[in-house]
Every structure is written in C-alpha cells, then in structure tokens.
Amino acid sequence: MRALGIDIGGSGIKGAPVDTETGILVADRLRISTPDPSTPEAVAATVARITEHFGGNSALGCAFPAIVQRGVVRSAANVDTSWIGVDGAALLSRATGRPVTLLNDADAAGMAEVTFGAGRDHTGVVMILTFGTGIGSAIFTGGHLLPNTELGHLEIRGMDAEHRASDRVRKSESLDWEDWAERVNEYLAMLEALFSPDLFIVGGGVSKDHARFLHLFETKARIVPATLRNEAGIVGAALATAPARRD
C-alpha cells in the first residue's frame, strides 16, 4: 500500500509518497518553507501544493507540531497560535480534496522508528526524542503509543526544556557539542527519573550528526540514533493512514 506522508514543521513542510509495507519513500521528498505567519490557511495551502505535486489519490497523513486529539489541534508552541481549537484534519481535507489523518509530529516519527527503525521489535519502554526547532517526544510500551506527550515542555531551570536544549537553541546560541550535551543530559536525567525507559532513540534534524554528540550523553538506558532520521515524520504520517493505527 502507498500513502502520502507530509511532515509539517516549524521551519519547513516536507512530504513524499511512502510504501507503508517497507517504510521506503517511493519518490524524492519535496520541501517547502513553512509560511510566516504559519496560519491554518497558509499551511493548508502549502500542504495542498505538496499534495498536487505528487498527484494520485492515495491516503494522506500529516504530522503536526502540536497536541492533536481526533484531528483537532490543542496547542501551538511552534506554529501560529491561531491553530488552537482548529479541526486541522478537516481543514487540510478541504484544501487537498482527500481524507486526512492528522497526528502529533513526534508521535509520527516514533511510529516510523518502532515499525521500521531503531525501535523495531523492542518490547520495553521506548522514548523517541526529536531535536529540531523544538523537542518532540513519543513514548511506546510494548509497541503501543501513549499519544501527545509533548515532553519538550517540561520545565528545567524556569523554562521549557526545548528553550534550553533544542537544536535551534544550539545553533542560535552557538553552543559547541559538549555544552549542548550538558543541557541535554539534564533533560535526559529528568526523563529517566519520571519514566525509566529501556531505550532512547534520538531523531530530528540533529540526528544526522549523531557521531559528534551521542557519546556525550549520559543515560542508564541504552541510547541510539534514529534510523530513519529526518524522514521519520513523513513515514509515520503515511503509516497513520491505516485504520488500525488511527487514534
């Protein structure tokens, strides 16, 4: 089965058709910068452009950087606040002319990693962390997802963790890998105290550089880089279109 997966991020919106049996992209992905401001109408128009680019009539899944409950957006940390309360699935369906499955972006990345990637066949507690514009999180136990955890908003030193330790902050504050890892280690220690995971999977845009920093992380749990890296959101969004995977 093929489905179109689209990953809506704070800086870019990217998509590609995916073979949901293998997790492989069957065409080169298309990336378009996220509109500024990232209002519902502007983002929907960009999603429609990507959908039209690939054509066809396959199922459409969209990963979104917010809490999403039954298609409705409930938060907006890295997109325009006008999204809050919007039925995003219905809006994107009208814009593209297709039924749309909308889900949290880190949950989508996590689905891809536990199905095809670094968490495949793992029966314990797995935490996927995506470091990019913010910090996304997904938790699986026995392969089952606890949706919308949004643990990048845990408070550390009086601010959201993602405002101290995201990849965007690393770049904007010109942190070297050691200084950034020190901040991330503080965050990982809090996650271990709260959830006692068996495995951490590090994904997001920073994952391509994992050889430069992963050895600096200090955890009791095993910690590994994401296998699908920055394509995980696209793959997971496509996977979410299967009826058995919908919330």
C-alpha atoms as a PDB file:
ATOM      1  CA  MET A   1       0.000   0.000   0.000  1.00  0.00           C
ATOM      2  CA  ARG A   2       1.150   3.538  -0.744  1.00  0.00           C
ATOM      3  CA  ALA A   3       0.218   6.659   1.179  1.00  0.00           C
ATOM      4  CA  LEU A   4       1.360  10.258   1.047  1.00  0.00           C
ATOM      5  CA  GLY A   5       3.087  11.434   4.206  1.00  0.00           C
ATOM      6  CA  ILE A   6       3.564  15.124   4.987  1.00  0.00           C
ATOM      7  CA  ASP A   7       5.577  16.437   7.938  1.00  0.00           C
ATOM      8  CA  ILE A   8       4.609  19.976   8.977  1.00  0.00           C
ATOM      9  CA  GLY A   9       7.454  21.598  10.905  1.00  0.00           C
ATOM     10  CA  GLY A  10       8.227  24.986  12.360  1.00  0.00           C
ATOM     11  CA  SER A  11      10.657  25.834   9.557  1.00  0.00           C
ATOM     12  CA  GLY A  12       9.715  23.513   6.707  1.00  0.00           C
ATOM     13  CA  ILE A  13       6.903  21.352   5.347  1.00  0.00           C
ATOM     14  CA  LYS A  14       8.072  18.233   3.561  1.00  0.00           C
ATOM     15  CA  GLY A  15       6.324  15.265   2.022  1.00  0.00           C
ATOM     16  CA  ALA A  16       6.684  12.174  -0.127  1.00  0.00           C
ATOM     17  CA  PRO A  17       4.732   9.071  -1.085  1.00  0.00           C
ATOM     18  CA  VAL A  18       5.650   6.081   1.096  1.00  0.00           C
ATOM     19  CA  ASP A  19       5.415   2.321   0.683  1.00  0.00           C
ATOM     20  CA  THR A  20       3.757   1.544   4.026  1.00  0.00           C
ATOM     21  CA  GLU A  21       4.833  -2.106   3.874  1.00  0.00           C
ATOM     22  CA  THR A  22       8.527  -1.211   3.838  1.00  0.00           C
ATOM     23  CA  GLY A  23       8.711   2.387   5.082  1.00  0.00           C
ATOM     24  CA  ILE A  24      10.614   3.420   1.961  1.00  0.00           C
ATOM     25  CA  LEU A  25       9.971   6.732   0.204  1.00  0.00           C
ATOM     26  CA  VAL A  26       8.984   5.927  -3.375  1.00  0.00           C
ATOM     27  CA  ALA A  27       9.836   9.396  -4.720  1.00  0.00           C
ATOM     28  CA  ASP A  28      12.182  12.196  -3.745  1.00  0.00           C
ATOM     29  CA  ARG A  29      10.687  14.277  -0.983  1.00  0.00           C
ATOM     30  CA  LEU A  30       9.539  17.839  -1.621  1.00  0.00           C
ATOM     31  CA  ARG A  31      10.270  20.508   0.976  1.00  0.00           C
ATOM     32  CA  ILE A  32       8.696  23.976   1.098  1.00  0.00           C
ATOM     33  CA  SER A  33       9.481  26.550   3.777  1.00  0.00           C
ATOM     34  CA  THR A  34       6.768  26.917   6.392  1.00  0.00           C
ATOM     35  CA  PRO A  35       4.772  30.119   5.735  1.00  0.00           C
ATOM     36  CA  ASP A  36       5.349  33.073   8.038  1.00  0.00           C
ATOM     37  CA  PRO A  37       2.985  33.560   9.738  1.00  0.00           C
ATOM     38  CA  SER A  38       2.116  29.865   9.854  1.00  0.00           C
ATOM     39  CA  THR A  39      -1.656  30.378   9.972  1.00  0.00           C
ATOM     40  CA  PRO A  40      -4.007  27.462   9.309  1.00  0.00           C
ATOM     41  CA  GLU A  41      -4.955  28.778   5.865  1.00  0.00           C
ATOM     42  CA  ALA A  42      -1.328  29.395   4.802  1.00  0.00           C
ATOM     43  CA  VAL A  43      -0.138  25.982   5.988  1.00  0.00           C
ATOM     44  CA  ALA A  44      -3.126  24.264   4.359  1.00  0.00           C
ATOM     45  CA  ALA A  45      -2.279  25.920   1.050  1.00  0.00           C
ATOM     46  CA  THR A  46       1.309  24.648   1.294  1.00  0.00           C
ATOM     47  CA  VAL A  47       0.126  21.131   2.091  1.00  0.00           C
ATOM     48  CA  ALA A  48      -2.149  21.326  -0.954  1.00  0.00           C
ATOM     49  CA  ARG A  49       0.842  22.316  -3.134  1.00  0.00           C
ATOM     50  CA  ILE A  50       2.806  19.280  -1.978  1.00  0.00           C
ATOM     51  CA  THR A  51      -0.199  17.011  -2.495  1.00  0.00           C
ATOM     52  CA  GLU A  52      -0.726  18.332  -6.029  1.00  0.00           C
ATOM     53  CA  HIS A  53       2.974  17.883  -6.808  1.00  0.00           C
ATOM     54  CA  PHE A  54       2.789  14.141  -6.220  1.00  0.00           C
ATOM     55  CA  GLY A  55      -0.687  13.659  -7.707  1.00  0.00           C
ATOM     56  CA  GLY A  56      -2.637  10.437  -7.411  1.00  0.00           C
ATOM     57  CA  ASN A  57      -5.355   9.750  -4.885  1.00  0.00           C
ATOM     58  CA  SER A  58      -3.566   7.809  -2.155  1.00  0.00           C
ATOM     59  CA  ALA A  59      -4.378   8.265   1.526  1.00  0.00           C
ATOM     60  CA  LEU A  60      -2.871  11.369   3.148  1.00  0.00           C
ATOM     61  CA  GLY A  61      -1.321  11.565   6.607  1.00  0.00           C
ATOM     62  CA  CYS A  62       0.052  14.774   8.147  1.00  0.00           C
ATOM     63  CA  ALA A  63       2.385  15.094  11.124  1.00  0.00           C
ATOM     64  CA  PHE A  64       1.908  18.343  13.052  1.00  0.00           C
ATOM     65  CA  PRO A  65       3.986  20.028  15.821  1.00  0.00           C
ATOM     66  CA  ALA A  66       1.246  20.198  18.455  1.00  0.00           C
ATOM     67  CA  ILE A  67      -1.151  18.185  20.564  1.00  0.00           C
ATOM     68  CA  VAL A  68      -3.736  16.683  18.195  1.00  0.00           C
ATOM     69  CA  GLN A  69      -6.876  14.991  19.527  1.00  0.00           C
ATOM     70  CA  ARG A  70      -9.180  13.349  16.978  1.00  0.00           C
ATOM     71  CA  GLY A  71      -7.972  15.774  14.335  1.00  0.00           C
ATOM     72  CA  VAL A  72      -8.337  18.941  16.444  1.00  0.00           C
ATOM     73  CA  VAL A  73      -5.223  20.996  17.304  1.00  0.00           C
ATOM     74  CA  ARG A  74      -4.953  21.739  21.031  1.00  0.00           C
ATOM     75  CA  SER A  75      -1.617  23.581  21.305  1.00  0.00           C
ATOM     76  CA  ALA A  76       0.692  25.704  19.160  1.00  0.00           C
ATOM     77  CA  ALA A  77       4.230  26.013  20.518  1.00  0.00           C
ATOM     78  CA  ASN A  78       5.998  26.165  17.132  1.00  0.00           C
ATOM     79  CA  VAL A  79       3.208  27.328  14.808  1.00  0.00           C
ATOM     80  CA  ASP A  80       0.827  30.281  14.814  1.00  0.00           C
ATOM     81  CA  THR A  81      -1.451  30.335  17.864  1.00  0.00           C
ATOM     82  CA  SER A  82      -4.497  30.671  15.602  1.00  0.00           C
ATOM     83  CA  TRP A  83      -4.256  26.893  15.154  1.00  0.00           C
ATOM     84  CA  ILE A  84      -5.540  26.236  18.670  1.00  0.00           C
ATOM     85  CA  GLY A  85      -9.041  24.754  18.523  1.00  0.00           C
ATOM     86  CA  VAL A  86      -8.971  24.266  14.738  1.00  0.00           C
ATOM     87  CA  ASP A  87     -10.126  20.952  13.272  1.00  0.00           C
ATOM     88  CA  GLY A  88      -6.885  20.579  11.377  1.00  0.00           C
ATOM     89  CA  ALA A  89      -7.812  17.290   9.751  1.00  0.00           C
ATOM     90  CA  ALA A  90     -10.990  18.788   8.292  1.00  0.00           C
ATOM     91  CA  LEU A  91      -9.181  21.946   7.149  1.00  0.00           C
ATOM     92  CA  LEU A  92      -6.440  20.005   5.363  1.00  0.00           C
ATOM     93  CA  SER A  93      -9.012  17.656   3.860  1.00  0.00           C
ATOM     94  CA  ARG A  94     -10.867  20.607   2.312  1.00  0.00           C
ATOM     95  CA  ALA A  95      -7.593  22.051   0.994  1.00  0.00           C
ATOM     96  CA  THR A  96      -6.384  18.796  -0.587  1.00  0.00           C
ATOM     97  CA  GLY A  97      -9.651  17.113  -1.519  1.00  0.00           C
ATOM     98  CA  ARG A  98      -8.637  13.959   0.358  1.00  0.00           C
ATOM     99  CA  PRO A  99      -9.407  12.427   3.753  1.00  0.00           C
ATOM    100  CA  VAL A 100      -6.586  13.409   6.108  1.00  0.00           C
ATOM    101  CA  THR A 101      -5.181  11.734   9.207  1.00  0.00           C
ATOM    102  CA  LEU A 102      -3.549  14.353  11.439  1.00  0.00           C
ATOM    103  CA  LEU A 103      -1.298  13.460  14.373  1.00  0.00           C
ATOM    104  CA  ASN A 104       1.470  14.847  16.563  1.00  0.00           C
ATOM    105  CA  ASP A 105       4.772  15.029  14.692  1.00  0.00           C
ATOM    106  CA  ALA A 106       6.914  13.235  17.277  1.00  0.00           C
ATOM    107  CA  ASP A 107       4.267  10.505  17.545  1.00  0.00           C
ATOM    108  CA  ALA A 108       4.537  10.075  13.785  1.00  0.00           C
ATOM    109  CA  ALA A 109       8.335   9.858  13.951  1.00  0.00           C
ATOM    110  CA  GLY A 110       8.041   7.365  16.772  1.00  0.00           C
ATOM    111  CA  MET A 111       5.629   5.182  14.825  1.00  0.00           C
ATOM    112  CA  ALA A 112       8.130   5.028  11.991  1.00  0.00           C
ATOM    113  CA  GLU A 113      11.040   4.141  14.266  1.00  0.00           C
ATOM    114  CA  VAL A 114       9.224   1.378  16.181  1.00  0.00           C
ATOM    115  CA  THR A 115       7.840  -0.090  12.956  1.00  0.00           C
ATOM    116  CA  PHE A 116      10.888   0.099  10.676  1.00  0.00           C
ATOM    117  CA  GLY A 117      13.752   1.665  12.598  1.00  0.00           C
ATOM    118  CA  ALA A 118      15.787   1.628  15.788  1.00  0.00           C
ATOM    119  CA  GLY A 119      12.856   0.567  17.984  1.00  0.00           C
ATOM    120  CA  ARG A 120      11.649  -2.280  15.813  1.00  0.00           C
ATOM    121  CA  ASP A 121      10.620  -5.393  17.800  1.00  0.00           C
ATOM    122  CA  HIS A 122      11.533  -3.723  21.114  1.00  0.00           C
ATOM    123  CA  THR A 123       9.045  -4.822  23.798  1.00  0.00           C
ATOM    124  CA  GLY A 124      10.060  -2.441  26.586  1.00  0.00           C
ATOM    125  CA  VAL A 125       9.554   1.290  27.185  1.00  0.00           C
ATOM    126  CA  VAL A 126      10.941   3.230  24.230  1.00  0.00           C
ATOM    127  CA  MET A 127      11.254   7.012  24.130  1.00  0.00           C
ATOM    128  CA  ILE A 128      11.816   8.821  20.844  1.00  0.00           C
ATOM    129  CA  LEU A 129      13.154  12.382  21.157  1.00  0.00           C
ATOM    130  CA  THR A 130      13.329  14.663  18.135  1.00  0.00           C
ATOM    131  CA  PHE A 131      15.688  17.626  18.396  1.00  0.00           C
ATOM    132  CA  GLY A 132      14.940  20.361  15.876  1.00  0.00           C
ATOM    133  CA  THR A 133      13.054  23.647  16.120  1.00  0.00           C
ATOM    134  CA  GLY A 134      11.772  22.295  19.435  1.00  0.00           C
ATOM    135  CA  ILE A 135      11.994  18.947  21.218  1.00  0.00           C
ATOM    136  CA  GLY A 136       9.378  16.374  20.338  1.00  0.00           C
ATOM    137  CA  SER A 137       8.734  13.208  22.317  1.00  0.00           C
ATOM    138  CA  ALA A 138       6.952   9.908  21.861  1.00  0.00           C
ATOM    139  CA  ILE A 139       6.618   7.035  24.318  1.00  0.00           C
ATOM    140  CA  PHE A 140       5.882   3.416  23.415  1.00  0.00           C
ATOM    141  CA  THR A 141       5.477   0.438  25.706  1.00  0.00           C
ATOM    142  CA  GLY A 142       5.179  -2.994  24.181  1.00  0.00           C
ATOM    143  CA  GLY A 143       4.925  -1.244  20.817  1.00  0.00           C
ATOM    144  CA  HIS A 144       1.867   0.791  21.880  1.00  0.00           C
ATOM    145  CA  LEU A 145       1.893   4.586  21.714  1.00  0.00           C
ATOM    146  CA  LEU A 146       0.969   6.995  24.507  1.00  0.00           C
ATOM    147  CA  PRO A 147      -0.024   9.962  22.297  1.00  0.00           C
ATOM    148  CA  ASN A 148       0.698  13.663  22.678  1.00  0.00           C
ATOM    149  CA  THR A 149       3.284  13.545  25.456  1.00  0.00           C
ATOM    150  CA  GLU A 150       4.973  16.819  24.350  1.00  0.00           C
ATOM    151  CA  LEU A 151       7.766  16.394  26.904  1.00  0.00           C
ATOM    152  CA  GLY A 152       9.806  19.149  25.323  1.00  0.00           C
ATOM    153  CA  HIS A 153       7.705  21.451  27.508  1.00  0.00           C
ATOM    154  CA  LEU A 154       8.871  20.001  30.811  1.00  0.00           C
ATOM    155  CA  GLU A 155      10.261  22.855  32.912  1.00  0.00           C
ATOM    156  CA  ILE A 156      14.002  22.992  33.522  1.00  0.00           C
ATOM    157  CA  ARG A 157      15.605  25.994  35.214  1.00  0.00           C
ATOM    158  CA  GLY A 158      12.414  28.018  34.860  1.00  0.00           C
ATOM    159  CA  MET A 159      11.810  27.446  31.137  1.00  0.00           C
ATOM    160  CA  ASP A 160      10.613  24.811  28.711  1.00  0.00           C
ATOM    161  CA  ALA A 161      13.295  22.197  28.085  1.00  0.00           C
ATOM    162  CA  GLU A 162      13.144  22.902  24.347  1.00  0.00           C
ATOM    163  CA  HIS A 163      14.039  26.530  25.006  1.00  0.00           C
ATOM    164  CA  ARG A 164      17.331  25.325  26.524  1.00  0.00           C
ATOM    165  CA  ALA A 165      18.225  22.173  24.623  1.00  0.00           C
ATOM    166  CA  SER A 166      16.665  22.072  21.160  1.00  0.00           C
ATOM    167  CA  ASP A 167      18.848  22.029  18.060  1.00  0.00           C
ATOM    168  CA  ARG A 168      17.547  25.520  17.234  1.00  0.00           C
ATOM    169  CA  VAL A 169      18.891  26.789  20.568  1.00  0.00           C
ATOM    170  CA  ARG A 170      22.223  25.042  19.985  1.00  0.00           C
ATOM    171  CA  LYS A 171      22.595  26.932  16.732  1.00  0.00           C
ATOM    172  CA  SER A 172      21.225  30.290  17.879  1.00  0.00           C
ATOM    173  CA  GLU A 173      23.460  30.349  20.972  1.00  0.00           C
ATOM    174  CA  SER A 174      26.470  28.929  19.068  1.00  0.00           C
ATOM    175  CA  LEU A 175      26.859  26.110  21.599  1.00  0.00           C
ATOM    176  CA  ASP A 176      29.561  23.551  20.932  1.00  0.00           C
ATOM    177  CA  TRP A 177      28.557  19.886  21.136  1.00  0.00           C
ATOM    178  CA  GLU A 178      29.882  19.490  24.688  1.00  0.00           C
ATOM    179  CA  ASP A 179      27.941  22.475  26.058  1.00  0.00           C
ATOM    180  CA  TRP A 180      24.783  21.400  24.266  1.00  0.00           C
ATOM    181  CA  ALA A 181      25.159  17.818  25.535  1.00  0.00           C
ATOM    182  CA  GLU A 182      25.418  19.115  29.096  1.00  0.00           C
ATOM    183  CA  ARG A 183      21.998  20.714  28.726  1.00  0.00           C
ATOM    184  CA  VAL A 184      20.540  17.644  27.057  1.00  0.00           C
ATOM    185  CA  ASN A 185      21.901  15.406  29.835  1.00  0.00           C
ATOM    186  CA  GLU A 186      19.997  17.443  32.410  1.00  0.00           C
ATOM    187  CA  TYR A 187      16.846  16.875  30.364  1.00  0.00           C
ATOM    188  CA  LEU A 188      17.520  13.153  29.901  1.00  0.00           C
ATOM    189  CA  ALA A 189      18.047  12.736  33.655  1.00  0.00           C
ATOM    190  CA  MET A 190      14.593  14.181  34.283  1.00  0.00           C
ATOM    191  CA  LEU A 191      13.017  11.850  31.729  1.00  0.00           C
ATOM    192  CA  GLU A 192      14.710   8.831  33.287  1.00  0.00           C
ATOM    193  CA  ALA A 193      13.518   9.840  36.750  1.00  0.00           C
ATOM    194  CA  LEU A 194       9.936  10.140  35.502  1.00  0.00           C
ATOM    195  CA  PHE A 195       9.619   7.238  33.034  1.00  0.00           C
ATOM    196  CA  SER A 196      12.514   4.758  33.460  1.00  0.00           C
ATOM    197  CA  PRO A 197      12.770   3.991  29.738  1.00  0.00           C
ATOM    198  CA  ASP A 198      14.656   0.984  28.407  1.00  0.00           C
ATOM    199  CA  LEU A 199      15.694   2.721  25.197  1.00  0.00           C
ATOM    200  CA  PHE A 200      16.132   6.298  23.972  1.00  0.00           C
ATOM    201  CA  ILE A 201      16.054   6.980  20.228  1.00  0.00           C
ATOM    202  CA  VAL A 202      17.433  10.367  19.174  1.00  0.00           C
ATOM    203  CA  GLY A 203      15.928  11.773  15.989  1.00  0.00           C
ATOM    204  CA  GLY A 204      15.097  15.052  14.313  1.00  0.00           C
ATOM    205  CA  GLY A 205      17.345  17.209  12.188  1.00  0.00           C
ATOM    206  CA  VAL A 206      20.302  16.853  14.568  1.00  0.00           C
ATOM    207  CA  SER A 207      20.367  13.058  14.215  1.00  0.00           C
ATOM    208  CA  LYS A 208      22.490  13.239  11.069  1.00  0.00           C
ATOM    209  CA  ASP A 209      25.350  14.452  13.293  1.00  0.00           C
ATOM    210  CA  HIS A 210      24.921  11.759  15.961  1.00  0.00           C
ATOM    211  CA  ALA A 211      28.562  10.660  15.727  1.00  0.00           C
ATOM    212  CA  ARG A 212      29.557  14.080  17.047  1.00  0.00           C
ATOM    213  CA  PHE A 213      27.460  14.087  20.206  1.00  0.00           C
ATOM    214  CA  LEU A 214      25.783  10.779  21.095  1.00  0.00           C
ATOM    215  CA  HIS A 215      28.817   9.565  23.067  1.00  0.00           C
ATOM    216  CA  LEU A 216      28.476  12.677  25.256  1.00  0.00           C
ATOM    217  CA  PHE A 217      25.026  11.695  26.514  1.00  0.00           C
ATOM    218  CA  GLU A 218      24.843  10.033  29.941  1.00  0.00           C
ATOM    219  CA  THR A 219      21.895   7.705  30.494  1.00  0.00           C
ATOM    220  CA  LYS A 220      21.147   4.480  32.314  1.00  0.00           C
ATOM    221  CA  ALA A 221      19.052   3.385  29.345  1.00  0.00           C
ATOM    222  CA  ARG A 222      20.593   2.450  26.041  1.00  0.00           C
ATOM    223  CA  ILE A 223      20.592   5.439  23.658  1.00  0.00           C
ATOM    224  CA  VAL A 224      20.827   5.141  19.869  1.00  0.00           C
ATOM    225  CA  PRO A 225      20.350   7.367  16.816  1.00  0.00           C
ATOM    226  CA  ALA A 226      17.144   7.201  14.805  1.00  0.00           C
ATOM    227  CA  THR A 227      17.422   5.021  11.733  1.00  0.00           C
ATOM    228  CA  LEU A 228      15.003   6.979   9.553  1.00  0.00           C
ATOM    229  CA  ARG A 229      16.432  10.295  10.756  1.00  0.00           C
ATOM    230  CA  ASN A 230      14.631  13.315   9.307  1.00  0.00           C
ATOM    231  CA  GLU A 231      12.340  11.184   7.112  1.00  0.00           C
ATOM    232  CA  ALA A 232      10.671   9.536  10.115  1.00  0.00           C
ATOM    233  CA  GLY A 233       7.843  12.103  10.312  1.00  0.00           C
ATOM    234  CA  ILE A 234       6.917  11.539   6.673  1.00  0.00           C
ATOM    235  CA  VAL A 235       6.962   7.761   7.063  1.00  0.00           C
ATOM    236  CA  GLY A 236       4.994   7.828  10.317  1.00  0.00           C
ATOM    237  CA  ALA A 237       2.384  10.186   8.873  1.00  0.00           C
ATOM    238  CA  ALA A 238       1.866   7.773   5.988  1.00  0.00           C
ATOM    239  CA  LEU A 239       1.628   4.822   8.391  1.00  0.00           C
ATOM    240  CA  ALA A 240      -1.042   6.621  10.433  1.00  0.00           C
ATOM    241  CA  THR A 241      -3.467   6.486   7.496  1.00  0.00           C
ATOM    242  CA  ALA A 242      -4.034   2.767   8.122  1.00  0.00           C
ATOM    243  CA  PRO A 243      -7.358   2.416  10.027  1.00  0.00           C
ATOM    244  CA  ALA A 244      -5.806   0.184  12.693  1.00  0.00           C
ATOM    245  CA  ARG A 245      -3.299   2.916  13.588  1.00  0.00           C
ATOM    246  CA  ARG A 246      -5.698   5.825  13.990  1.00  0.00           C
ATOM    247  CA  ASP A 247      -6.422   7.183  17.464  1.00  0.00           C
END
